Amino acid sequence: MVHALVRYGRLRQLAEFVPSGDARPEPRRPCVVTTPRGTEVGLVLAVVDAERLPDQAGLLLRMATPEDEANARALAAVAEQDRARVAALAAAVAPDVRVITAERLLAGGRPGAQKLVVYYAAAARIDVPALLRAAEEALEVELDLVQVGARQRARVCGGAGVCGRTLCCSTFLRALEPVTMRMAQVQGLTTSPEATAGACGRLKCCLRYENPLYEESRRGLPRVGWIVTARRARGAVVAVDVLRRRVLVRPEDGGAPVALFADEVLRAAPPARAPLPLAGAPPPPPEAPPAERGWSDLARRLWRRMGSGRAPKQDDA
């Protein structure tokens, strides 16, 4: 059975649709589909020929005609005007609401009525029914208010990331999956927002789909703080370069830090834990500050790249 994978809506939703009647879906062509929101124009991404149909599949009514495409462009122009009117109403009814964008569908749930979907962001809880009634009375359309988060707002608005390319969420990402700080730590990034945050202010989506490669490269490498033994040095790991599979070791004899590849490490183990102090025992005397140690050019570059701990001074010998 043939069905189509279609992308539709400003949030770039993906769903599978079954052709209706004589409809023949064609990849990279616009089509008219029925969704839970109503009838709207989507884009066929792929045509799938499978033995059984998906359980929750919509209906692909037809491939879009020139009239459908012209109608969709006209509705997009009207939706921009509706967005401005809803934003003016929101300023009076709910000042904390920020109207992001709006889209008009070909048809809504009620027969013969157009449908307007408005996407908004709000930091605090708002009176949605009051805003909904005011907007429906002013616009005389079937209206849906959809609240979006920071990552969805970036997907709707689009833009460019720090890499100089179009945002991943507005191009090829199908789902906005969660990203954790641990993924940034595995890649050796600092916890500062300048290094880990994307255009939306949240952790970059690329951290997630790059994470499996870093996890595979990180396997077998000693962690920061572990004691490693090699032919050239023995000491504590102060930084890890995951992609090059090497570690920066501070020797126990006080020499300059040494960069060791993973194949050079003969033995690695976590440091021994200090025993817990006994109840009522006097506190230990404060330790003397460690003496400054020399840094080689390679150690200084590795340390800057890892971005962890105290950065070496320029005047370190």
C-alpha atoms as a PDB file:
ATOM      1  CA  MET A   1       0.000   0.000   0.000  1.00  0.00           C
ATOM      2  CA  VAL A   2       1.314   3.414  -0.995  1.00  0.00           C
ATOM      3  CA  HIS A   3       1.267   6.285   1.485  1.00  0.00           C
ATOM      4  CA  ALA A   4       3.115   9.604   1.721  1.00  0.00           C
ATOM      5  CA  LEU A   5       5.230  11.324   4.346  1.00  0.00           C
ATOM      6  CA  VAL A   6       4.051  14.942   4.433  1.00  0.00           C
ATOM      7  CA  ARG A   7       5.365  18.014   6.240  1.00  0.00           C
ATOM      8  CA  TYR A   8       2.813  20.695   7.062  1.00  0.00           C
ATOM      9  CA  GLY A   9       2.271  23.733   9.277  1.00  0.00           C
ATOM     10  CA  ARG A  10       4.578  26.432  10.580  1.00  0.00           C
ATOM     11  CA  LEU A  11       5.915  24.020  13.204  1.00  0.00           C
ATOM     12  CA  ARG A  12       7.016  21.688  10.374  1.00  0.00           C
ATOM     13  CA  GLN A  13       5.037  18.732  11.660  1.00  0.00           C
ATOM     14  CA  LEU A  14       5.489  15.348   9.994  1.00  0.00           C
ATOM     15  CA  ALA A  15       2.799  12.734   9.462  1.00  0.00           C
ATOM     16  CA  GLU A  16       1.874   9.911   7.125  1.00  0.00           C
ATOM     17  CA  PHE A  17      -1.128  10.246   4.798  1.00  0.00           C
ATOM     18  CA  VAL A  18      -3.032   7.782   2.673  1.00  0.00           C
ATOM     19  CA  PRO A  19      -3.975   8.928  -0.855  1.00  0.00           C
ATOM     20  CA  SER A  20      -7.676   9.375  -1.495  1.00  0.00           C
ATOM     21  CA  GLY A  21      -9.256   8.073  -4.692  1.00  0.00           C
ATOM     22  CA  ASP A  22      -7.085   8.719  -7.767  1.00  0.00           C
ATOM     23  CA  ALA A  23      -4.527  10.891  -5.942  1.00  0.00           C
ATOM     24  CA  ARG A  24      -0.948   9.962  -6.825  1.00  0.00           C
ATOM     25  CA  PRO A  25       1.559  11.518  -4.408  1.00  0.00           C
ATOM     26  CA  GLU A  26       4.803  12.833  -5.896  1.00  0.00           C
ATOM     27  CA  PRO A  27       7.893  13.658  -3.825  1.00  0.00           C
ATOM     28  CA  ARG A  28       8.822  17.340  -3.334  1.00  0.00           C
ATOM     29  CA  ARG A  29       5.419  18.494  -4.529  1.00  0.00           C
ATOM     30  CA  PRO A  30       2.736  20.383  -2.546  1.00  0.00           C
ATOM     31  CA  CYS A  31      -0.465  18.549  -1.683  1.00  0.00           C
ATOM     32  CA  VAL A  32      -3.763  19.094   0.113  1.00  0.00           C
ATOM     33  CA  VAL A  33      -4.262  16.979   3.236  1.00  0.00           C
ATOM     34  CA  THR A  34      -6.730  16.672   6.095  1.00  0.00           C
ATOM     35  CA  THR A  35      -5.161  16.953   9.534  1.00  0.00           C
ATOM     36  CA  PRO A  36      -6.661  17.134  13.051  1.00  0.00           C
ATOM     37  CA  ARG A  37      -6.672  20.917  12.580  1.00  0.00           C
ATOM     38  CA  GLY A  38      -8.537  20.945   9.249  1.00  0.00           C
ATOM     39  CA  THR A  39      -7.679  21.042   5.539  1.00  0.00           C
ATOM     40  CA  GLU A  40      -4.322  22.554   4.642  1.00  0.00           C
ATOM     41  CA  VAL A  41      -1.487  22.530   2.139  1.00  0.00           C
ATOM     42  CA  GLY A  42       1.566  20.373   2.876  1.00  0.00           C
ATOM     43  CA  LEU A  43       4.700  19.153   1.136  1.00  0.00           C
ATOM     44  CA  VAL A  44       5.260  15.515   0.176  1.00  0.00           C
ATOM     45  CA  LEU A  45       8.726  14.509   1.373  1.00  0.00           C
ATOM     46  CA  ALA A  46       8.684  10.842   0.383  1.00  0.00           C
ATOM     47  CA  VAL A  47       6.387   8.162  -1.020  1.00  0.00           C
ATOM     48  CA  VAL A  48       6.453   4.858   0.854  1.00  0.00           C
ATOM     49  CA  ASP A  49       5.301   1.525  -0.558  1.00  0.00           C
ATOM     50  CA  ALA A  50       4.675  -0.785   2.410  1.00  0.00           C
ATOM     51  CA  GLU A  51       2.670  -3.946   2.975  1.00  0.00           C
ATOM     52  CA  ARG A  52       0.456  -2.335   5.615  1.00  0.00           C
ATOM     53  CA  LEU A  53      -0.717   1.190   6.245  1.00  0.00           C
ATOM     54  CA  PRO A  54       0.254   3.118   9.386  1.00  0.00           C
ATOM     55  CA  ASP A  55      -2.245   3.008  12.244  1.00  0.00           C
ATOM     56  CA  GLN A  56      -2.783   6.759  12.546  1.00  0.00           C
ATOM     57  CA  ALA A  57      -2.633   8.051   8.988  1.00  0.00           C
ATOM     58  CA  GLY A  58      -4.407  11.125   7.643  1.00  0.00           C
ATOM     59  CA  LEU A  59      -5.998  11.542   4.259  1.00  0.00           C
ATOM     60  CA  LEU A  60      -4.214  13.034   1.260  1.00  0.00           C
ATOM     61  CA  LEU A  61      -7.033  14.561  -0.778  1.00  0.00           C
ATOM     62  CA  ARG A  62      -5.094  15.561  -3.897  1.00  0.00           C
ATOM     63  CA  MET A  63      -1.882  16.994  -5.207  1.00  0.00           C
ATOM     64  CA  ALA A  64      -2.044  20.778  -5.011  1.00  0.00           C
ATOM     65  CA  THR A  65      -3.295  22.510  -8.138  1.00  0.00           C
ATOM     66  CA  PRO A  66      -2.129  25.989  -9.246  1.00  0.00           C
ATOM     67  CA  GLU A  67      -5.355  27.314  -7.723  1.00  0.00           C
ATOM     68  CA  ASP A  68      -4.538  25.675  -4.374  1.00  0.00           C
ATOM     69  CA  GLU A  69      -1.038  27.152  -4.387  1.00  0.00           C
ATOM     70  CA  ALA A  70      -2.349  30.632  -5.226  1.00  0.00           C
ATOM     71  CA  ASN A  71      -4.944  30.303  -2.471  1.00  0.00           C
ATOM     72  CA  ALA A  72      -2.240  29.265   0.010  1.00  0.00           C
ATOM     73  CA  ARG A  73      -0.128  32.335  -0.872  1.00  0.00           C
ATOM     74  CA  ALA A  74      -3.122  34.622  -0.443  1.00  0.00           C
ATOM     75  CA  LEU A  75      -3.960  33.060   2.929  1.00  0.00           C
ATOM     76  CA  ALA A  76      -0.334  33.522   4.059  1.00  0.00           C
ATOM     77  CA  ALA A  77      -0.576  37.259   3.308  1.00  0.00           C
ATOM     78  CA  VAL A  78      -3.879  37.534   5.194  1.00  0.00           C
ATOM     79  CA  ALA A  79      -2.425  35.566   8.129  1.00  0.00           C
ATOM     80  CA  GLU A  80       0.313  38.172   8.590  1.00  0.00           C
ATOM     81  CA  GLN A  81      -2.360  40.851   8.937  1.00  0.00           C
ATOM     82  CA  ASP A  82      -4.253  38.630  11.383  1.00  0.00           C
ATOM     83  CA  ARG A  83      -1.094  38.227  13.446  1.00  0.00           C
ATOM     84  CA  ALA A  84      -0.779  41.985  13.841  1.00  0.00           C
ATOM     85  CA  ARG A  85      -4.447  42.288  14.882  1.00  0.00           C
ATOM     86  CA  VAL A  86      -4.153  39.470  17.418  1.00  0.00           C
ATOM     87  CA  ALA A  87      -0.978  41.052  18.809  1.00  0.00           C
ATOM     88  CA  ALA A  88      -2.870  44.326  19.327  1.00  0.00           C
ATOM     89  CA  LEU A  89      -5.682  42.480  21.112  1.00  0.00           C
ATOM     90  CA  ALA A  90      -3.196  40.569  23.251  1.00  0.00           C
ATOM     91  CA  ALA A  91      -1.566  43.825  24.368  1.00  0.00           C
ATOM     92  CA  ALA A  92      -4.899  44.876  25.866  1.00  0.00           C
ATOM     93  CA  VAL A  93      -6.185  41.534  27.180  1.00  0.00           C
ATOM     94  CA  ALA A  94      -2.943  39.717  28.119  1.00  0.00           C
ATOM     95  CA  PRO A  95       0.123  42.004  28.093  1.00  0.00           C
ATOM     96  CA  ASP A  96       2.510  39.120  28.864  1.00  0.00           C
ATOM     97  CA  VAL A  97       1.671  37.375  25.577  1.00  0.00           C
ATOM     98  CA  ARG A  98       4.047  37.602  22.636  1.00  0.00           C
ATOM     99  CA  VAL A  99       2.401  36.629  19.351  1.00  0.00           C
ATOM    100  CA  ILE A 100       4.991  34.837  17.213  1.00  0.00           C
ATOM    101  CA  THR A 101       3.222  34.011  13.957  1.00  0.00           C
ATOM    102  CA  ALA A 102      -0.092  32.895  12.489  1.00  0.00           C
ATOM    103  CA  GLU A 103      -1.296  30.712   9.639  1.00  0.00           C
ATOM    104  CA  ARG A 104      -4.626  30.285   7.889  1.00  0.00           C
ATOM    105  CA  LEU A 105      -5.801  26.856   6.771  1.00  0.00           C
ATOM    106  CA  LEU A 106      -7.865  26.142   3.675  1.00  0.00           C
ATOM    107  CA  ALA A 107     -10.756  24.971   5.860  1.00  0.00           C
ATOM    108  CA  GLY A 108     -11.380  24.387   9.540  1.00  0.00           C
ATOM    109  CA  GLY A 109     -13.458  21.944  11.502  1.00  0.00           C
ATOM    110  CA  ARG A 110     -16.737  23.738  10.810  1.00  0.00           C
ATOM    111  CA  PRO A 111     -18.095  23.448   7.237  1.00  0.00           C
ATOM    112  CA  GLY A 112     -17.489  26.559   5.154  1.00  0.00           C
ATOM    113  CA  ALA A 113     -15.383  28.301   7.806  1.00  0.00           C
ATOM    114  CA  GLN A 114     -11.724  29.221   7.554  1.00  0.00           C
ATOM    115  CA  LYS A 115      -9.412  28.506  10.449  1.00  0.00           C
ATOM    116  CA  LEU A 116      -6.669  30.660  11.905  1.00  0.00           C
ATOM    117  CA  VAL A 117      -3.891  29.170  14.053  1.00  0.00           C
ATOM    118  CA  VAL A 118      -1.960  31.666  16.189  1.00  0.00           C
ATOM    119  CA  TYR A 119       1.323  30.729  17.882  1.00  0.00           C
ATOM    120  CA  TYR A 120       2.263  32.677  20.996  1.00  0.00           C
ATOM    121  CA  ALA A 121       4.826  32.632  23.792  1.00  0.00           C
ATOM    122  CA  ALA A 122       4.226  33.628  27.389  1.00  0.00           C
ATOM    123  CA  ALA A 123       6.487  33.511  30.415  1.00  0.00           C
ATOM    124  CA  ALA A 124       3.574  33.543  32.875  1.00  0.00           C
ATOM    125  CA  ARG A 125       0.131  31.974  32.895  1.00  0.00           C
ATOM    126  CA  ILE A 126      -2.450  33.973  30.910  1.00  0.00           C
ATOM    127  CA  ASP A 127      -6.215  34.068  30.526  1.00  0.00           C
ATOM    128  CA  VAL A 128      -6.451  32.137  27.246  1.00  0.00           C
ATOM    129  CA  PRO A 129     -10.298  32.029  27.048  1.00  0.00           C
ATOM    130  CA  ALA A 130     -10.542  35.816  27.290  1.00  0.00           C
ATOM    131  CA  LEU A 131      -7.997  36.328  24.522  1.00  0.00           C
ATOM    132  CA  LEU A 132      -9.619  33.616  22.411  1.00  0.00           C
ATOM    133  CA  ARG A 133     -13.096  35.195  22.666  1.00  0.00           C
ATOM    134  CA  ALA A 134     -11.779  38.667  21.864  1.00  0.00           C
ATOM    135  CA  ALA A 135      -9.840  37.444  18.817  1.00  0.00           C
ATOM    136  CA  GLU A 136     -12.706  35.331  17.444  1.00  0.00           C
ATOM    137  CA  GLU A 137     -15.141  38.251  17.724  1.00  0.00           C
ATOM    138  CA  ALA A 138     -12.738  40.627  15.994  1.00  0.00           C
ATOM    139  CA  LEU A 139     -11.619  38.304  13.188  1.00  0.00           C
ATOM    140  CA  GLU A 140     -14.815  36.224  12.761  1.00  0.00           C
ATOM    141  CA  VAL A 141     -12.902  33.005  12.107  1.00  0.00           C
ATOM    142  CA  GLU A 142     -12.379  29.705  13.862  1.00  0.00           C
ATOM    143  CA  LEU A 143      -9.301  30.339  15.998  1.00  0.00           C
ATOM    144  CA  ASP A 144      -6.735  28.113  17.709  1.00  0.00           C
ATOM    145  CA  LEU A 145      -4.159  29.487  20.156  1.00  0.00           C
ATOM    146  CA  VAL A 146      -1.011  27.364  20.392  1.00  0.00           C
ATOM    147  CA  GLN A 147       1.660  28.127  22.972  1.00  0.00           C
ATOM    148  CA  VAL A 148       5.228  27.419  21.869  1.00  0.00           C
ATOM    149  CA  GLY A 149       8.495  27.157  23.778  1.00  0.00           C
ATOM    150  CA  ALA A 150      11.867  28.702  23.036  1.00  0.00           C
ATOM    151  CA  ARG A 151      13.016  25.938  20.675  1.00  0.00           C
ATOM    152  CA  GLN A 152       9.720  25.899  18.764  1.00  0.00           C
ATOM    153  CA  ARG A 153       9.865  29.688  18.504  1.00  0.00           C
ATOM    154  CA  ALA A 154      13.281  29.436  16.850  1.00  0.00           C
ATOM    155  CA  ARG A 155      11.924  26.788  14.468  1.00  0.00           C
ATOM    156  CA  VAL A 156       9.058  29.075  13.435  1.00  0.00           C
ATOM    157  CA  CYS A 157      11.139  32.254  13.101  1.00  0.00           C
ATOM    158  CA  GLY A 158      14.193  30.633  11.499  1.00  0.00           C
ATOM    159  CA  GLY A 159      17.603  32.253  11.297  1.00  0.00           C
ATOM    160  CA  ALA A 160      21.277  31.269  11.276  1.00  0.00           C
ATOM    161  CA  GLY A 161      23.326  29.523  13.939  1.00  0.00           C
ATOM    162  CA  VAL A 162      26.859  30.251  15.120  1.00  0.00           C
ATOM    163  CA  CYS A 163      28.128  27.952  12.348  1.00  0.00           C
ATOM    164  CA  GLY A 164      26.733  30.353   9.745  1.00  0.00           C
ATOM    165  CA  ARG A 165      24.169  27.900   8.366  1.00  0.00           C
ATOM    166  CA  THR A 166      20.373  27.877   8.647  1.00  0.00           C
ATOM    167  CA  LEU A 167      19.108  26.557  11.972  1.00  0.00           C
ATOM    168  CA  CYS A 168      18.866  22.761  12.097  1.00  0.00           C
ATOM    169  CA  CYS A 169      15.421  22.913  13.720  1.00  0.00           C
ATOM    170  CA  SER A 170      14.002  24.860  10.755  1.00  0.00           C
ATOM    171  CA  THR A 171      15.607  22.695   8.054  1.00  0.00           C
ATOM    172  CA  PHE A 172      16.058  18.956   8.559  1.00  0.00           C
ATOM    173  CA  LEU A 173      15.335  18.057  12.193  1.00  0.00           C
ATOM    174  CA  ARG A 174      12.100  16.085  12.449  1.00  0.00           C
ATOM    175  CA  ALA A 175      11.680  16.172  16.239  1.00  0.00           C
ATOM    176  CA  LEU A 176      13.090  18.512  18.880  1.00  0.00           C
ATOM    177  CA  GLU A 177      14.539  15.929  21.227  1.00  0.00           C
ATOM    178  CA  PRO A 178      15.903  16.904  24.672  1.00  0.00           C
ATOM    179  CA  VAL A 179      19.541  17.942  25.014  1.00  0.00           C
ATOM    180  CA  THR A 180      21.401  17.581  28.323  1.00  0.00           C
ATOM    181  CA  MET A 181      24.401  19.369  29.787  1.00  0.00           C
ATOM    182  CA  ARG A 182      26.240  16.047  29.988  1.00  0.00           C
ATOM    183  CA  MET A 183      26.392  15.980  26.175  1.00  0.00           C
ATOM    184  CA  ALA A 184      28.251  19.293  26.257  1.00  0.00           C
ATOM    185  CA  GLN A 185      30.612  18.020  28.939  1.00  0.00           C
ATOM    186  CA  VAL A 186      31.431  14.900  26.905  1.00  0.00           C
ATOM    187  CA  GLN A 187      32.479  17.133  24.015  1.00  0.00           C
ATOM    188  CA  GLY A 188      34.757  19.137  26.313  1.00  0.00           C
ATOM    189  CA  LEU A 189      32.732  22.351  26.074  1.00  0.00           C
ATOM    190  CA  THR A 190      32.490  24.841  28.881  1.00  0.00           C
ATOM    191  CA  THR A 191      29.226  25.439  30.704  1.00  0.00           C
ATOM    192  CA  SER A 192      29.045  29.081  29.584  1.00  0.00           C
ATOM    193  CA  PRO A 193      25.974  29.909  27.440  1.00  0.00           C
ATOM    194  CA  GLU A 194      28.207  31.460  24.776  1.00  0.00           C
ATOM    195  CA  ALA A 195      29.615  28.013  23.949  1.00  0.00           C
ATOM    196  CA  THR A 196      26.588  25.764  24.477  1.00  0.00           C
ATOM    197  CA  ALA A 197      23.478  27.852  23.717  1.00  0.00           C
ATOM    198  CA  GLY A 198      21.863  28.167  20.304  1.00  0.00           C
ATOM    199  CA  ALA A 199      19.760  30.944  18.822  1.00  0.00           C
ATOM    200  CA  CYS A 200      16.827  29.928  21.042  1.00  0.00           C
ATOM    201  CA  GLY A 201      18.863  30.281  24.239  1.00  0.00           C
ATOM    202  CA  ARG A 202      18.684  26.549  24.961  1.00  0.00           C
ATOM    203  CA  LEU A 203      21.386  23.935  24.468  1.00  0.00           C
ATOM    204  CA  LYS A 204      22.307  23.454  20.813  1.00  0.00           C
ATOM    205  CA  CYS A 205      20.455  20.675  18.998  1.00  0.00           C
ATOM    206  CA  CYS A 206      23.693  19.626  17.276  1.00  0.00           C
ATOM    207  CA  LEU A 207      25.033  18.461  20.646  1.00  0.00           C
ATOM    208  CA  ARG A 208      22.548  15.597  20.577  1.00  0.00           C
ATOM    209  CA  TYR A 209      23.197  14.152  17.144  1.00  0.00           C
ATOM    210  CA  GLU A 210      26.955  14.578  17.588  1.00  0.00           C
ATOM    211  CA  ASN A 211      26.828  12.866  20.979  1.00  0.00           C
ATOM    212  CA  PRO A 212      26.983   9.197  19.736  1.00  0.00           C
ATOM    213  CA  LEU A 213      30.300   9.876  17.959  1.00  0.00           C
ATOM    214  CA  TYR A 214      31.775  11.474  21.071  1.00  0.00           C
ATOM    215  CA  GLU A 215      30.489   8.658  23.280  1.00  0.00           C
ATOM    216  CA  GLU A 216      32.141   6.096  21.003  1.00  0.00           C
ATOM    217  CA  SER A 217      35.432   8.027  20.904  1.00  0.00           C
ATOM    218  CA  ARG A 218      35.330   8.573  24.659  1.00  0.00           C
ATOM    219  CA  ARG A 219      35.049   4.859  25.375  1.00  0.00           C
ATOM    220  CA  GLY A 220      38.237   3.575  27.038  1.00  0.00           C
ATOM    221  CA  LEU A 221      39.653   7.033  27.775  1.00  0.00           C
ATOM    222  CA  PRO A 222      40.551   7.920  31.376  1.00  0.00           C
ATOM    223  CA  ARG A 223      38.525  10.653  33.044  1.00  0.00           C
ATOM    224  CA  VAL A 224      39.769  13.957  34.408  1.00  0.00           C
ATOM    225  CA  GLY A 225      41.391  13.347  37.788  1.00  0.00           C
ATOM    226  CA  TRP A 226      42.321   9.722  37.122  1.00  0.00           C
ATOM    227  CA  ILE A 227      45.870   8.529  37.732  1.00  0.00           C
ATOM    228  CA  VAL A 228      47.449   7.116  34.568  1.00  0.00           C
ATOM    229  CA  THR A 229      50.718   5.293  34.008  1.00  0.00           C
ATOM    230  CA  ALA A 230      52.630   5.356  30.725  1.00  0.00           C
ATOM    231  CA  ARG A 231      56.222   4.966  29.581  1.00  0.00           C
ATOM    232  CA  ARG A 232      56.699   8.712  29.288  1.00  0.00           C
ATOM    233  CA  ALA A 233      54.903   9.913  32.399  1.00  0.00           C
ATOM    234  CA  ARG A 234      52.792   9.016  35.389  1.00  0.00           C
ATOM    235  CA  GLY A 235      50.356  11.447  36.931  1.00  0.00           C
ATOM    236  CA  ALA A 236      46.837  12.844  37.064  1.00  0.00           C
ATOM    237  CA  VAL A 237      44.709  13.610  33.994  1.00  0.00           C
ATOM    238  CA  VAL A 238      43.885  17.313  33.803  1.00  0.00           C
ATOM    239  CA  ALA A 239      42.179  17.422  30.365  1.00  0.00           C
ATOM    240  CA  VAL A 240      40.795  15.001  27.762  1.00  0.00           C
ATOM    241  CA  ASP A 241      40.751  15.503  23.975  1.00  0.00           C
ATOM    242  CA  VAL A 242      38.003  13.103  22.929  1.00  0.00           C
ATOM    243  CA  LEU A 243      38.241  13.268  19.126  1.00  0.00           C
ATOM    244  CA  ARG A 244      42.038  12.919  19.064  1.00  0.00           C
ATOM    245  CA  ARG A 245      41.838  10.321  21.839  1.00  0.00           C
ATOM    246  CA  ARG A 246      44.570  11.806  23.973  1.00  0.00           C
ATOM    247  CA  VAL A 247      44.833  13.134  27.512  1.00  0.00           C
ATOM    248  CA  LEU A 248      46.858  15.852  29.185  1.00  0.00           C
ATOM    249  CA  VAL A 249      48.725  14.477  32.211  1.00  0.00           C
ATOM    250  CA  ARG A 250      50.382  16.423  35.000  1.00  0.00           C
ATOM    251  CA  PRO A 251      53.381  14.290  36.072  1.00  0.00           C
ATOM    252  CA  GLU A 252      53.877  13.451  39.714  1.00  0.00           C
ATOM    253  CA  ASP A 253      57.499  14.630  39.614  1.00  0.00           C
ATOM    254  CA  GLY A 254      56.413  18.201  38.947  1.00  0.00           C
ATOM    255  CA  GLY A 255      57.462  18.452  35.303  1.00  0.00           C
ATOM    256  CA  ALA A 256      55.594  20.086  32.463  1.00  0.00           C
ATOM    257  CA  PRO A 257      52.237  18.505  31.482  1.00  0.00           C
ATOM    258  CA  VAL A 258      52.520  15.745  28.893  1.00  0.00           C
ATOM    259  CA  ALA A 259      50.008  14.875  26.150  1.00  0.00           C
ATOM    260  CA  LEU A 260      49.506  11.105  25.923  1.00  0.00           C
ATOM    261  CA  PHE A 261      47.560   9.189  23.309  1.00  0.00           C
ATOM    262  CA  ALA A 262      45.163   6.521  24.526  1.00  0.00           C
ATOM    263  CA  ASP A 263      47.372   3.743  23.134  1.00  0.00           C
ATOM    264  CA  GLU A 264      50.265   4.926  25.308  1.00  0.00           C
ATOM    265  CA  VAL A 265      48.376   4.558  28.584  1.00  0.00           C
ATOM    266  CA  LEU A 266      49.366   1.315  30.306  1.00  0.00           C
ATOM    267  CA  ARG A 267      47.168   1.638  33.366  1.00  0.00           C
ATOM    268  CA  ALA A 268      44.464   4.063  34.498  1.00  0.00           C
ATOM    269  CA  ALA A 269      42.496   4.179  37.727  1.00  0.00           C
ATOM    270  CA  PRO A 270      40.415   6.717  39.604  1.00  0.00           C
ATOM    271  CA  PRO A 271      42.163   8.444  42.535  1.00  0.00           C
ATOM    272  CA  ALA A 272      41.818   6.952  45.984  1.00  0.00           C
ATOM    273  CA  ARG A 273      39.066   8.541  48.015  1.00  0.00           C
ATOM    274  CA  ALA A 274      40.067  10.315  51.192  1.00  0.00           C
ATOM    275  CA  PRO A 275      38.543   8.787  54.348  1.00  0.00           C
ATOM    276  CA  LEU A 276      35.654  10.650  55.900  1.00  0.00           C
ATOM    277  CA  PRO A 277      36.554  12.601  59.065  1.00  0.00           C
ATOM    278  CA  LEU A 278      35.466  11.101  62.342  1.00  0.00           C
ATOM    279  CA  ALA A 279      32.782  12.826  64.372  1.00  0.00           C
ATOM    280  CA  GLY A 280      34.310  15.225  66.886  1.00  0.00           C
ATOM    281  CA  ALA A 281      37.791  15.051  65.346  1.00  0.00           C
ATOM    282  CA  PRO A 282      39.620  18.388  64.915  1.00  0.00           C
ATOM    283  CA  PRO A 283      39.728  19.708  61.354  1.00  0.00           C
ATOM    284  CA  PRO A 284      42.950  19.043  59.429  1.00  0.00           C
ATOM    285  CA  PRO A 285      45.405  21.935  59.048  1.00  0.00           C
ATOM    286  CA  PRO A 286      45.054  23.926  55.807  1.00  0.00           C
ATOM    287  CA  GLU A 287      47.274  22.770  52.990  1.00  0.00           C
ATOM    288  CA  ALA A 288      49.902  25.055  51.540  1.00  0.00           C
ATOM    289  CA  PRO A 289      49.097  26.422  48.072  1.00  0.00           C
ATOM    290  CA  PRO A 290      50.756  24.363  45.317  1.00  0.00           C
ATOM    291  CA  ALA A 291      53.772  25.819  43.620  1.00  0.00           C
ATOM    292  CA  GLU A 292      53.411  27.116  40.083  1.00  0.00           C
ATOM    293  CA  ARG A 293      54.488  24.663  37.418  1.00  0.00           C
ATOM    294  CA  GLY A 294      55.756  25.239  33.941  1.00  0.00           C
ATOM    295  CA  TRP A 295      53.497  24.886  30.882  1.00  0.00           C
ATOM    296  CA  SER A 296      54.571  23.884  27.408  1.00  0.00           C
ATOM    297  CA  ASP A 297      52.975  25.398  24.308  1.00  0.00           C
ATOM    298  CA  LEU A 298      51.114  22.137  23.616  1.00  0.00           C
ATOM    299  CA  ALA A 299      49.794  22.016  27.186  1.00  0.00           C
ATOM    300  CA  ARG A 300      48.629  25.631  26.986  1.00  0.00           C
ATOM    301  CA  ARG A 301      46.780  25.017  23.694  1.00  0.00           C
ATOM    302  CA  LEU A 302      45.153  21.837  24.981  1.00  0.00           C
ATOM    303  CA  TRP A 303      44.119  23.560  28.184  1.00  0.00           C
ATOM    304  CA  ARG A 304      42.460  26.417  26.315  1.00  0.00           C
ATOM    305  CA  ARG A 305      40.608  23.932  24.094  1.00  0.00           C
ATOM    306  CA  MET A 306      39.330  21.893  27.024  1.00  0.00           C
ATOM    307  CA  GLY A 307      38.170  25.045  28.789  1.00  0.00           C
ATOM    308  CA  SER A 308      38.198  23.417  32.245  1.00  0.00           C
ATOM    309  CA  GLY A 309      40.033  24.375  35.408  1.00  0.00           C
ATOM    310  CA  ARG A 310      42.376  27.334  35.776  1.00  0.00           C
ATOM    311  CA  ALA A 311      43.656  28.696  32.499  1.00  0.00           C
ATOM    312  CA  PRO A 312      47.489  28.928  32.424  1.00  0.00           C
ATOM    313  CA  LYS A 313      48.950  32.372  32.690  1.00  0.00           C
ATOM    314  CA  GLN A 314      50.948  33.871  29.875  1.00  0.00           C
ATOM    315  CA  ASP A 315      53.971  34.368  32.106  1.00  0.00           C
ATOM    316  CA  ASP A 316      54.055  30.738  33.288  1.00  0.00           C
ATOM    317  CA  ALA A 317      57.468  29.294  32.607  1.00  0.00           C
END
